[in-house]
Amino acid sequence: MPIAKMKRLQVLALERDHDAILRRLQHMGCLEISEPDVQALPDTLRRCDTAAADLLARQRQLQSAIDILRRTAPPQKTGLLTPRPRISEREYLDEAALASELETAQHINELAADVNRLTARETQLRSEQAALTPWRSLDIPLELTETRWCDITTGTLPPFAVWEEIQGALSQQVPESEAYLLYADRQQQGILLLTHKAVTAQALELLRSFGFSGGQLKGRHGTPEENLTALADSLRQTAAEKDAALQELAGLGGKLPDMQLCSDRLNSRLMREENRKRLMTDGCIVAFDGWVPAEKLPQLTAWLDTLDCAYDLSDPTPEEIPDVPVALKGNILTRSMNCITEQYSMPAYDGVDPNPVMAPFFILFFGMMMADMGYGLLMIFLPLLYLKKARPPESKRGFIELILWCGIVTFIFGALTGGFFGDFIPQLCKVIDPASTFELPSLFSPLNDTMAIMIGSMVLGGIQILTGMTISVVKKTRDGHFADALWDEITWWVILAGGAMALLKVGSVAVVLVIGVLMLVYGSGRGKKGFGKITGLVSAVYNGVTGFFSDILSYVRLMALMLSGAVLAQVFNMLGATTGNVGGFVVIALIGNALNLALNLLGCYVHDMRLQFLEFFGRFYKEGGKSYRPLSVETQYVEVMKEDN
């Protein structure tokens, strides 16, 4: 299918109607508003005022409240298959409750800030408790540091300091002092030092030689016991305040659906505001440009005709091509390829939509690499269940549908190879009856027909490469560059046809090959002079031969992944069979096959994408397009039921 044809729309409308116009365009979801050409507009026009910055700040505040409720509110019964609640578009766009919900969000954030503050306060109080508890036996006020004749000092010593040695040194060198050991633990020893004021400095100098450190209790008043009592009271009060805040947050858990609906509503309003700043106004009129798919024009123009406005439609000019948004048409099969194409790069507007031609190859290759009926059934059943129960948004449906299509082909190839979780059924039969020789019927086996599968893989690769070359020829011809197609692709077709005729021993091989070689010689030398013609020929031959055949060899990975998946499945089944009983076999085999399925899903997906991006897209693809992003109703938490109005 071709890329959707776009039309450029230019509108002049009354400024008083611009908000209603934006709302209607959002409902229709068919116009991507773009930056207008300022040079083509009068100097009196300016950009419309917008509240996007304020709304973005509110959206962040609202999302913060949602995250807080998810963490603190009682868990709700939700799961992977829980669908989003449905809501009518009229109810969704009713913003009457927006202000009150934003106030609730602000209150939730304030409660969370209180909880964080009280948690930090609890940590601080517990730290102070831990620091004071060892000093509990000290029965003098901590602010008392001296008397008329004595100094009172508290401090700590390292745990390895020998107390008897310290006491002996003090009694010998500073007899006018007395030290008391208040506690000792693995971290430190706490002491009380009483000294005559005349010898305080001498005593402290002596203790420092043993690792003494003082000042831990400065700034406190009352005894340690009194301080610990006060800290316990503060801790209980802080805990009570924190519990009250947490309970209030838990009580607001029922507001979570309202908060989520409010977030979606605010997001829609934010999208309008972000598009509003692309509008130009002088206070009386408003001007804006946009891109609309040609197939949606009748609906849009029919509505524009009812307004007091003027509009103009035009095709994009060659200069505008790089800025034209790209919308890929798709059916039930090809739309699942969008997630693959977008991971590479959107095609340019004047390029080719790769999805229709890529879809059969991607799905076929994926199923060929997986090739197991059991895995295929899981890949069919689980996506169908998810699509039916969860009702995901369109942005997520594509990948799920891709798994479904790949699962169907995986089942088909599994039936051809006789694989059902590897050789699960034959191994199970042997566990039940060691004399069993039961085997599932198969057309070919990955383990026994490796060479045939490898050749088949390269044949499929050759078909895809030739398909890519054909698309390139058609595109170049359409764009008026048939000569490039003739010398770049058709030349190699003639050479390959001659090679195929030689292998099959039919027709005038020499004539065809000579024609192909002459075309290659002429085509590689076009636009070159002198020695450049020779280097051009050498380069064309080298790049053509090595490129074509190395690309085909890349498709051997189809055989390699099919073989590795089958071998791993059989290994896990054999491990289960060594238990000798059905229960052990089933548990080990299913766990192993689950791991093999997960590994194969990732490996096949990555390698399949590599084949498309490198071997296929390189033949014809022109990237650089930007996705079509119309102003529309996009939601995360609710499903909006569109209404015609």
Foldseek 3Di string as FASTA:
>chain_A
DFWFFKKKKKKKAWPVCVVVVLVVLQLVQFWAFDFDDVVVDDPLKAFDDFPLVVLVVLLVLLVVLLVLLCVQADDDPDDLLAAFAEDAPVVLLPCPCLVVLSVVSVVSVVLVVLLVVLVVVLVVLVVVLVLLVLQQPDQDWPVPQADPFKGKFKWKFALPQDPVVLQVVCCVPPVQKDKDFSDHDNGITIMIIIGGPVCVVVSVVSVVVRVIDTDPSPPGTHGSVVVSVVSVVVSVVSVVSSVVSSVVSNVCSVCSVVSQSSSLNSVLVSLSRVSSRSWIDSNTMIMTMIMGRPVCVVVVVVVVVVGPMDMDIDGDDPVCQLVHAIDGDDDLQLLLCPVLCVVQFAFGSLAGDCRVVLRVVLLLLLLLLLQAQQLLVCLQVVLVSSCVRHVDDPVPNSPSSSSNSSSVSVNVSVLQAQHHLQQQPQLLVCLVPVVDPDGRDHNHHLVPPLVVVLVVLLVSLLVLLVVLLVSQCVSCVVVVNNVCSCLQRVLVVLCVVLVVCVVVVDDDSVVSNVVSLVSNLVSQCPPHDDCSSVVSSVVSVVCVVCVSVVLSSLSSVSSVSNNVLSVQSVVQLVVQSVVSHNVSSVVSSVVSSVVSSVVSVVVSVVSSSVSCPPSRCVSGTHGSHHHDRGSYSDHDRHHYDRDDD
